[in-house]
Protein backbone atom coordinates (compact mmCIF):
# COMPACT_ATOMS: atom_id res chain seq x y z
CA UNK A 1 12.18 -21.47 12.15
CA UNK A 2 13.00 -17.79 12.67
CA UNK A 3 14.80 -17.76 9.33
CA UNK A 4 11.77 -19.30 7.62
CA UNK A 5 9.43 -16.77 9.28
CA UNK A 6 11.59 -13.87 8.10
CA UNK A 7 11.67 -15.37 4.62
CA UNK A 8 7.86 -15.65 4.36
CA UNK A 9 7.33 -12.20 5.89
CA UNK A 10 9.88 -10.69 3.48
CA UNK A 11 8.17 -12.19 0.43
CA UNK A 12 4.76 -11.05 1.63
CA UNK A 13 6.00 -7.53 2.40
CA UNK A 14 7.58 -7.30 -1.06
CA UNK A 15 4.39 -8.27 -2.86
CA UNK A 16 2.27 -6.05 -0.64
CA UNK A 17 4.49 -3.03 -1.36
CA UNK A 18 4.41 -3.71 -5.10
CA UNK A 19 0.62 -4.12 -5.11
CA UNK A 20 0.09 -0.91 -3.14
CA UNK A 21 2.39 1.14 -5.36
CA UNK A 22 0.89 -0.29 -8.54
CA UNK A 23 -2.72 0.37 -7.52
CA UNK A 24 -2.00 3.88 -6.23
CA UNK A 25 -0.14 4.75 -9.43
CA UNK A 26 -3.00 3.34 -11.48
CA UNK A 27 -5.50 5.59 -9.69
CA UNK A 28 -3.24 8.66 -9.98
CA UNK A 29 -2.57 8.08 -13.69
CA UNK A 30 -6.27 7.64 -14.42
CA UNK A 31 -6.95 10.95 -12.62
CA UNK A 32 -4.11 12.55 -14.58
CA UNK A 33 -5.65 11.68 -17.91
CA UNK A 34 -9.03 12.86 -16.67
CA UNK A 35 -7.57 16.30 -15.79
CA UNK A 36 -5.08 16.58 -18.65
CA UNK A 37 -6.90 19.45 -20.36
CA UNK A 38 -6.92 21.65 -17.26
CA UNK A 39 -3.27 20.83 -16.55
CA UNK A 40 -2.19 21.84 -20.06
CA UNK A 41 -4.41 24.91 -20.50
CA UNK A 42 -4.13 26.46 -17.04
CA UNK A 43 -0.87 27.73 -15.48
CA UNK A 44 -2.04 26.56 -12.07
CA UNK A 45 -3.60 23.36 -13.39
CA UNK A 46 -0.68 21.13 -12.45
CA UNK A 47 -0.48 22.62 -8.97
CA UNK A 48 -4.20 22.07 -8.38
CA UNK A 49 -3.96 18.52 -9.70
CA UNK A 50 -1.06 17.68 -7.37
CA UNK A 51 -2.83 19.31 -4.43
CA UNK A 52 -6.08 17.44 -5.12
CA UNK A 53 -4.19 14.17 -5.59
CA UNK A 54 -2.35 14.61 -2.31
CA UNK A 55 -5.58 15.33 -0.45
CA UNK A 56 -7.27 12.30 -2.01
CA UNK A 57 -4.57 9.86 -0.84
CA UNK A 58 -6.31 8.97 2.47
CA UNK A 59 -9.46 8.02 0.59
CA UNK A 60 -7.43 5.95 -1.89
CA UNK A 61 -5.59 4.16 0.92
CA UNK A 62 -8.92 3.53 2.69
CA UNK A 63 -10.06 1.49 -0.30
CA UNK A 64 -6.80 -0.11 -1.38
CA UNK A 65 -5.12 -1.24 1.85
CA UNK A 66 -7.47 -4.20 2.49
CA UNK A 67 -7.32 -5.16 -1.20
CA UNK A 68 -3.53 -5.11 -1.24
CA UNK A 69 -3.41 -7.43 1.79
CA UNK A 70 -5.48 -9.98 -0.15
CA UNK A 71 -3.50 -9.59 -3.39
CA UNK A 72 -0.20 -9.96 -1.57
CA UNK A 73 -1.48 -13.18 0.00
CA UNK A 74 -2.42 -14.64 -3.37
CA UNK A 75 0.89 -13.68 -4.98
CA UNK A 76 2.94 -14.90 -2.01
CA UNK A 77 1.44 -18.36 -1.73
CA UNK A 78 1.23 -18.89 -5.48
CA UNK A 79 4.91 -17.97 -5.73
CA UNK A 80 5.82 -20.37 -2.92
CA UNK A 81 3.60 -23.05 -4.45
CA UNK A 82 5.12 -22.82 -7.93
CA UNK A 83 8.62 -23.35 -6.52
CA UNK A 84 7.36 -26.28 -4.35
CA UNK A 85 8.43 -24.43 -1.22
CA UNK A 86 5.00 -24.95 0.32
CA UNK A 87 5.37 -28.69 -0.12
CA UNK A 88 8.78 -28.55 1.56
CA UNK A 89 7.34 -26.54 4.47
CA UNK A 90 4.49 -28.99 4.96
CA UNK A 91 6.88 -31.95 4.81
CA UNK A 92 8.77 -30.60 7.84
CA UNK A 93 5.57 -29.92 9.78
CA UNK A 94 4.93 -26.24 8.95
CA UNK A 95 1.22 -26.14 8.19
CA UNK A 96 -1.09 -23.33 7.18
CA UNK A 97 -1.12 -21.67 10.59
CA UNK A 98 2.67 -21.79 10.78
CA UNK A 99 2.90 -20.17 7.36
CA UNK A 100 0.42 -17.48 8.36
CA UNK A 101 2.14 -16.56 11.62
CA UNK A 102 4.93 -14.41 10.06
CA UNK A 103 2.39 -12.75 7.76
CA UNK A 104 0.38 -11.78 10.84
CA UNK A 105 3.26 -9.57 11.96
CA UNK A 106 3.14 -7.71 8.65
CA UNK A 107 -0.63 -7.39 9.00
CA UNK A 108 -0.17 -5.66 12.35
CA UNK A 109 1.87 -3.01 10.49
CA UNK A 110 -0.80 -2.75 7.77
CA UNK A 111 -3.55 -2.34 10.38
CA UNK A 112 -1.54 0.40 12.09
CA UNK A 113 -1.21 2.09 8.69
CA UNK A 114 -4.99 1.78 8.18
CA UNK A 115 -5.63 3.44 11.54
CA UNK A 116 -3.06 6.19 11.01
CA UNK A 117 -4.35 6.91 7.52
CA UNK A 118 -7.99 7.12 8.58
CA UNK A 119 -7.50 9.19 11.73
CA UNK A 120 -4.31 11.22 11.30
CA UNK A 121 -3.17 11.38 7.67
CA UNK A 122 -6.56 12.69 6.57
CA UNK A 123 -6.42 15.40 9.24
CA UNK A 124 -2.93 16.42 8.22
CA UNK A 125 -3.59 16.54 4.46
CA UNK A 126 -6.94 18.30 4.79
CA UNK A 127 -5.28 20.95 6.98
CA UNK A 128 -8.03 20.70 9.57
CA UNK A 129 -7.80 23.73 11.83
CA UNK A 130 -9.59 23.73 15.20
CA UNK A 131 -10.06 27.47 14.78
CA UNK A 132 -12.39 26.69 11.88
CA UNK A 133 -14.94 25.53 14.41
CA UNK A 134 -15.13 29.03 15.89
CA UNK A 135 -16.59 30.59 12.75
CA UNK A 136 -20.24 31.57 12.74
CA UNK A 137 -22.64 28.97 11.40
CA UNK A 138 -26.27 29.24 10.39
CA UNK A 139 -29.41 27.13 10.63
CA UNK A 140 -28.44 24.52 13.21
CA UNK A 141 -30.91 22.17 14.84
CA UNK A 142 -30.70 19.19 17.13
CA UNK A 143 -32.81 16.90 19.31
CA UNK A 144 -32.30 16.97 23.09
CA UNK A 145 -34.48 14.43 24.92
CA UNK A 146 -38.08 15.66 24.36
CA UNK A 147 -36.99 18.95 22.75
CA UNK A 148 -36.14 20.06 19.25
CA UNK A 149 -33.84 23.08 19.35
CA UNK A 150 -33.34 25.25 16.27
CA UNK A 151 -31.02 28.24 15.91
CA UNK A 152 -30.83 30.50 12.91
CA UNK A 153 -27.30 31.68 13.63
CA UNK A 154 -24.51 30.48 15.92
CA UNK A 155 -21.35 32.38 16.80
CA UNK A 156 -19.16 30.08 18.98
CA UNK A 157 -16.38 32.66 19.12
CA UNK A 158 -18.63 35.13 20.97
CA UNK A 159 -20.54 32.40 22.77
CA UNK A 160 -23.85 33.62 21.37
CA UNK A 161 -26.76 31.92 19.63
CA UNK A 162 -29.23 34.16 17.79
CA UNK A 163 -32.94 33.62 17.19
CA UNK A 164 -33.52 30.26 18.91
CA UNK A 165 -36.71 28.24 18.90
CA UNK A 166 -37.23 25.37 21.37
CA UNK A 167 -40.06 22.92 20.63
CA UNK A 168 -41.09 20.72 23.57
CA UNK A 169 -43.08 17.60 22.68
CA UNK A 170 -45.32 15.46 24.87
CA UNK A 171 -43.57 12.43 26.34
CA UNK A 172 -46.49 10.15 25.43
CA UNK A 173 -48.44 9.56 22.21
CA UNK A 174 -49.59 11.40 20.18
CA UNK A 175 -46.40 13.40 20.97
CA UNK A 176 -48.02 16.73 20.20
CA UNK A 177 -46.36 20.08 20.72
CA UNK A 178 -46.79 21.25 24.32
CA UNK A 179 -44.56 24.30 24.47
CA UNK A 180 -42.84 26.65 22.04
CA UNK A 181 -40.17 28.93 23.41
CA UNK A 182 -38.42 31.57 21.35
CA UNK A 183 -35.42 33.61 22.47
CA UNK A 184 -33.81 36.45 20.58
CA UNK A 185 -30.35 35.71 22.01
CA UNK A 186 -28.79 32.92 24.04
CA UNK A 187 -25.40 33.49 25.68
CA UNK A 188 -23.09 31.44 27.86
CA UNK A 189 -23.00 32.55 31.47
CA UNK A 190 -19.92 32.66 33.65
CA UNK A 191 -21.36 29.82 35.72
CA UNK A 192 -22.90 26.56 34.52
CA UNK A 193 -25.91 28.24 32.89
CA UNK A 194 -27.23 29.68 29.64
CA UNK A 195 -28.98 33.05 29.59
CA UNK A 196 -31.96 33.40 27.26
CA UNK A 197 -32.87 37.01 26.42
CA UNK A 198 -36.16 38.43 25.09
CA UNK A 199 -38.01 35.17 25.63
CA UNK A 200 -41.53 34.45 24.38
CA UNK A 201 -43.10 31.23 25.70
CA UNK A 202 -46.29 29.65 24.36
CA UNK A 203 -47.67 26.81 26.50
CA UNK A 204 -50.54 24.45 25.69
CA UNK A 205 -52.92 24.00 28.64
CA UNK A 206 -56.42 22.74 29.27
CA UNK A 207 -57.93 25.93 27.88
CA UNK A 208 -55.63 26.39 24.91
CA UNK A 209 -52.41 28.27 24.42
CA UNK A 210 -51.06 30.87 26.86
CA UNK A 211 -48.43 33.47 26.10
CA UNK A 212 -45.71 34.69 28.48
CA UNK A 213 -42.86 37.12 27.99
CA UNK A 214 -39.64 37.46 29.97
CA UNK A 215 -36.63 39.71 29.41
CA UNK A 216 -34.22 37.07 30.73
CA UNK A 217 -34.35 33.39 31.64
CA UNK A 218 -31.59 31.10 32.85
CA UNK A 219 -31.31 27.41 31.98
CA UNK A 220 -28.78 24.85 33.27
CA UNK A 221 -26.09 23.78 30.87
CA UNK A 222 -27.49 20.24 30.74
CA UNK A 223 -30.83 21.63 29.50
CA UNK A 224 -29.20 23.74 26.82
CA UNK A 225 -25.72 22.35 26.15
CA UNK A 226 -23.24 23.55 23.57
CA UNK A 227 -25.04 21.67 20.84
CA UNK A 228 -23.90 23.73 17.91
CA UNK A 229 -20.13 23.43 18.17
CA UNK A 230 -19.35 21.70 14.89
CA UNK A 231 -16.72 18.99 14.71
CA UNK A 232 -13.74 19.96 12.56
CA UNK A 233 -13.57 16.32 11.42
CA UNK A 234 -16.46 13.96 10.98
CA UNK A 235 -16.70 10.86 13.14
CA UNK A 236 -15.09 8.68 10.45
CA UNK A 237 -11.79 10.52 10.93
CA UNK A 238 -11.79 10.82 14.73
CA UNK A 239 -9.32 8.66 16.69
CA UNK A 240 -10.73 5.99 19.01
CA UNK A 241 -10.53 7.91 22.27
CA UNK A 242 -11.67 11.20 20.79
CA UNK A 243 -14.71 9.49 19.29
CA UNK A 244 -15.42 7.63 22.54
CA UNK A 245 -15.36 10.93 24.41
CA UNK A 246 -17.70 12.44 21.84
CA UNK A 247 -20.14 9.51 22.26
CA UNK A 248 -20.16 9.94 26.05
CA UNK A 249 -20.76 13.66 25.67
CA UNK A 250 -23.72 13.12 23.36
CA UNK A 251 -25.15 10.45 25.66
CA UNK A 252 -24.99 12.86 28.59
CA UNK A 253 -27.00 15.33 26.51
CA UNK A 254 -29.66 12.74 25.77
CA UNK A 255 -28.87 12.68 22.05
CA UNK A 256 -28.85 9.65 19.77
CA UNK A 257 -25.42 8.14 19.24
CA UNK A 258 -26.13 5.21 16.89
CA UNK A 259 -24.26 6.76 13.96
CA UNK A 260 -21.25 7.55 16.16
CA UNK A 261 -21.29 4.03 17.57
CA UNK A 262 -21.43 2.68 14.01
CA UNK A 263 -18.31 4.69 13.12
CA UNK A 264 -16.58 3.47 16.28
CA UNK A 265 -17.27 -0.16 15.43
CA UNK A 266 -16.21 0.53 11.85
CA UNK A 267 -12.78 1.60 13.07
CA UNK A 268 -12.26 -1.72 14.82
CA UNK A 269 -13.60 -3.60 11.80
CA UNK A 270 -11.22 -1.70 9.49
CA UNK A 271 -8.26 -2.83 11.61
CA UNK A 272 -9.42 -6.43 11.36
CA UNK A 273 -10.27 -6.34 7.63
CA UNK A 274 -6.72 -7.18 6.39
CA UNK A 275 -6.67 -10.23 8.70
CA UNK A 276 -10.09 -11.39 7.44
CA UNK A 277 -9.05 -11.06 3.79
CA UNK A 278 -5.76 -12.89 4.35
CA UNK A 279 -7.65 -15.67 6.14
CA UNK A 280 -9.94 -15.88 3.11
CA UNK A 281 -7.14 -15.66 0.54
CA UNK A 282 -4.67 -18.16 2.02
CA UNK A 283 -6.63 -21.37 1.35
CA UNK A 284 -7.74 -19.94 -1.98
CA UNK A 285 -4.12 -19.52 -3.06
CA UNK A 286 -3.04 -22.90 -1.71
CA UNK A 287 -5.86 -24.87 -3.28
CA UNK A 288 -3.83 -25.67 -6.40
CA UNK A 289 -0.09 -25.30 -6.87
CA UNK A 290 -0.08 -25.83 -10.62
CA UNK A 291 1.00 -22.84 -12.68
CA UNK A 292 -2.05 -23.08 -14.92
CA UNK A 293 -4.44 -22.38 -12.04
CA UNK A 294 -2.58 -19.41 -10.57
CA UNK A 295 -4.14 -16.79 -12.84
CA UNK A 296 -7.63 -18.13 -12.17
CA UNK A 297 -7.13 -18.05 -8.40
CA UNK A 298 -5.80 -14.50 -8.56
CA UNK A 299 -8.83 -13.38 -10.57
CA UNK A 300 -11.14 -15.04 -8.06
CA UNK A 301 -9.23 -13.32 -5.28
CA UNK A 302 -9.54 -9.90 -6.96
CA UNK A 303 -13.26 -10.51 -7.41
CA UNK A 304 -13.51 -11.52 -3.76
CA UNK A 305 -11.74 -8.33 -2.72
CA UNK A 306 -14.05 -6.15 -4.84
CA UNK A 307 -17.08 -7.91 -3.40
CA UNK A 308 -15.68 -7.28 0.07
CA UNK A 309 -15.47 -3.53 -0.60
CA UNK A 310 -18.94 -3.37 -2.17
CA UNK A 311 -20.57 -5.48 0.54
CA UNK A 312 -18.88 -3.42 3.28
CA UNK A 313 -20.27 -0.21 1.82
CA UNK A 314 -23.78 -1.66 1.39
CA UNK A 315 -23.94 -3.09 4.91
CA UNK A 316 -22.50 0.10 6.39
CA UNK A 317 -25.18 2.13 4.58
CA UNK A 318 -27.86 -0.18 5.98
CA UNK A 319 -26.39 0.45 9.43
CA UNK A 320 -26.60 4.22 8.85
CA UNK A 321 -30.22 3.85 7.83
CA UNK A 322 -31.03 2.03 11.07
CA UNK A 323 -31.81 -1.28 9.37
CA UNK A 324 -28.89 -3.00 11.15
CA UNK A 325 -27.42 -2.53 14.60
CA UNK A 326 -24.13 -0.56 14.73
CA UNK A 327 -22.15 -3.69 15.60
CA UNK A 328 -23.66 -5.73 12.78
CA UNK A 329 -23.40 -2.88 10.28
CA UNK A 330 -19.67 -2.61 10.88
CA UNK A 331 -18.66 -6.25 11.40
CA UNK A 332 -21.05 -8.35 9.27
CA UNK A 333 -18.83 -8.53 6.16
CA UNK A 334 -15.68 -9.26 8.16
CA UNK A 335 -17.49 -12.08 9.93
CA UNK A 336 -18.80 -13.50 6.65
CA UNK A 337 -15.29 -13.60 5.14
CA UNK A 338 -13.87 -15.24 8.24
CA UNK A 339 -16.53 -17.96 8.03
CA UNK A 340 -15.88 -18.40 4.31
CA UNK A 341 -12.15 -18.58 4.99
CA UNK A 342 -12.72 -21.26 7.63
CA UNK A 343 -14.73 -23.31 5.13
CA UNK A 344 -12.00 -23.01 2.50
CA UNK A 345 -9.31 -23.76 5.09
CA UNK A 346 -11.11 -26.95 6.16
CA UNK A 347 -11.42 -28.00 2.51
CA UNK A 348 -7.72 -27.46 1.81
CA UNK A 349 -6.61 -29.25 4.96
């Protein structure tokens, strides 16, 4: 049985490698023809093309790795079916699950590659530098509980925020503005505080607005946290634990974390996507062993893979828009393909 498992895994790994190389080369060649003029006319054109191609590899792998898992499944089982090896396996008691078990080991490697590509290869090829986050940034705003905080300029390297406006809203409808506070400078203190300098505060009371001025005010860090430190990488390219830490930090600041939670669930869904597509593709490939049906099944499989990518993007966008919960926005398509695979598996068996 170990010999048979190695044999199936070897065939699957061969087809997966060929599919991945073929699709990546197809994308690179299409980009080459699209940039041929700049490559020929500019001395640095070839260098820029190679640099852009290298940086685009993580995005290409993001799209192609699930598709290659499905294509390799179709090619593997159609190859075994044409040579009647599937019939021989079933005659000795090796059913669908037994045939899938060695492929599952290869899928663990593919899932690890998906995770490494999304969270580490992108960072390496984009040359993300943590020092980039220390550069001054302009026009930053955020929501902190019942406050909207806006800063015209942020200098994290000096620990200073310039020209800050803090809008405090009523906690009950109609949520009108109750206080407007403006500070010329905000600096980090040595202790767990922020120091607001040249502060003008307008407060809405029973008799209208009142105006107060103060040369210096201190606020606890939790009431004015380091909101404007920009992430070097967006949440899509943060590893699991780094993103989890970021979510906890935002929650402690009273900020909304739905988009970060959606990205976190998406990472788990991306690891499971190759398994879902193989589960869908296996009964599709084994439905008919005749050579004449192989091409049709492969075309259906390719169409199913393209629909998977399109549906994943649509559902993920709906999750970003708040129309779906983060869990559903990330996992809905995977779940649908697992259910469809179960239906096809029951029909084949």
